[in-house]
Amino acid sequence: MGLISSRATAPASNTIVYTANGQGHVVLDAAVNGAPVRMLVDTGASLVTLTPADARAAGIDPAGLAFTGHVQTANGTARMAPVTLREIRI
């Protein structure tokens, strides 16, 4: 029979822990390509999604994008425009 410990362990020294807000979401002030962006962190996400305003701030012209991709979201299928971001900082 194994022992069960109720002692909490501290995160590893190379770990940052963020606390969820009252709705259970982790929302952070981040930077995309150097531009300040408020982000919701979804640990299960495969992609980063930006609003048109955040894309413009990050140096991406939404009007010049080709929305050729499709993604499945909780609300169904959506079109997306693939881009490569230079940098995301949290």
Protein backbone atom coordinates (compact mmCIF):
# COMPACT_ATOMS: atom_id res chain seq x y z
CA MET A 1 0.00 0.00 0.00
CA GLY A 2 1.42 3.39 -1.06
CA LEU A 3 1.56 6.51 1.03
CA ILE A 4 -0.49 9.55 0.10
CA SER A 5 0.97 12.92 0.95
CA SER A 6 -1.18 15.96 1.55
CA ARG A 7 1.84 18.26 1.35
CA ALA A 8 1.74 20.71 -1.53
CA THR A 9 4.88 20.78 -3.62
CA ALA A 10 6.36 23.95 -5.02
CA PRO A 11 6.56 24.29 -8.79
CA ALA A 12 9.90 23.66 -10.47
CA SER A 13 12.27 26.63 -10.50
CA ASN A 14 11.71 27.14 -14.25
CA THR A 15 7.92 27.29 -13.87
CA ILE A 16 5.64 30.32 -13.80
CA VAL A 17 2.20 29.86 -12.26
CA TYR A 18 -0.70 32.11 -13.31
CA THR A 19 -3.95 32.23 -11.37
CA ALA A 20 -7.32 31.99 -13.09
CA ASN A 21 -9.76 34.88 -12.76
CA GLY A 22 -13.24 34.63 -11.23
CA GLN A 23 -14.60 33.02 -14.41
CA GLY A 24 -11.88 30.37 -14.37
CA HIS A 25 -9.87 31.91 -17.24
CA VAL A 26 -6.21 32.90 -17.32
CA VAL A 27 -6.02 36.34 -18.95
CA LEU A 28 -2.61 37.98 -19.35
CA ASP A 29 -1.05 41.15 -20.66
CA ALA A 30 1.22 39.88 -23.42
CA ALA A 31 3.10 41.21 -26.44
CA VAL A 32 2.78 39.98 -30.03
CA ASN A 33 5.55 41.20 -32.33
CA GLY A 34 6.23 43.82 -29.65
CA ALA A 35 2.65 45.15 -29.52
CA PRO A 36 0.72 44.97 -26.23
CA VAL A 37 -2.14 42.46 -26.40
CA ARG A 38 -4.53 41.20 -23.71
CA MET A 39 -4.71 37.40 -24.15
CA LEU A 40 -6.83 34.57 -22.86
CA VAL A 41 -4.59 31.55 -22.35
CA ASP A 42 -6.06 28.26 -23.55
CA THR A 43 -3.68 25.46 -22.65
CA GLY A 44 -5.39 23.12 -25.10
CA ALA A 45 -5.22 25.49 -28.07
CA SER A 46 -3.23 24.62 -31.18
CA LEU A 47 -3.28 28.14 -32.64
CA VAL A 48 -3.08 31.77 -31.58
CA THR A 49 -6.00 33.94 -32.61
CA LEU A 50 -5.84 37.73 -32.81
CA THR A 51 -8.56 40.33 -33.17
CA PRO A 52 -8.23 42.56 -36.26
CA ALA A 53 -7.13 45.44 -33.99
CA ASP A 54 -4.49 43.30 -32.26
CA ALA A 55 -3.27 42.00 -35.64
CA ARG A 56 -2.86 45.59 -36.90
CA ALA A 57 -0.98 46.56 -33.73
CA ALA A 58 1.33 43.57 -34.31
CA GLY A 59 2.09 44.77 -37.86
CA ILE A 60 -0.32 42.47 -39.71
CA ASP A 61 -2.79 44.03 -42.17
CA PRO A 62 -6.03 42.02 -41.86
CA ALA A 63 -7.22 43.36 -45.23
CA GLY A 64 -4.22 41.76 -46.94
CA LEU A 65 -4.72 38.29 -45.47
CA ALA A 66 -5.96 35.26 -47.39
CA PHE A 67 -8.50 33.40 -45.25
CA THR A 68 -7.78 30.04 -46.86
CA GLY A 69 -7.72 27.82 -43.80
CA HIS A 70 -10.53 26.35 -41.72
CA VAL A 71 -10.54 25.53 -38.01
CA GLN A 72 -13.01 23.74 -35.78
CA THR A 73 -14.09 25.73 -32.74
CA ALA A 74 -16.61 25.09 -29.99
CA ASN A 75 -19.02 27.17 -32.11
CA GLY A 76 -18.39 25.31 -35.35
CA THR A 77 -16.14 25.84 -38.36
CA ALA A 78 -14.39 29.18 -38.87
CA ARG A 79 -12.14 30.53 -41.61
CA MET A 80 -8.60 31.54 -40.71
CA ALA A 81 -5.65 33.24 -42.34
CA PRO A 82 -2.34 31.58 -41.51
CA VAL A 83 0.53 33.94 -40.62
CA THR A 84 3.83 33.52 -38.82
CA LEU A 85 4.31 35.67 -35.75
CA ARG A 86 7.82 36.85 -35.01
CA GLU A 87 7.37 36.74 -31.24
CA ILE A 88 4.87 36.20 -28.43
CA ARG A 89 5.85 37.28 -24.90
CA ILE A 90 3.94 36.63 -21.71
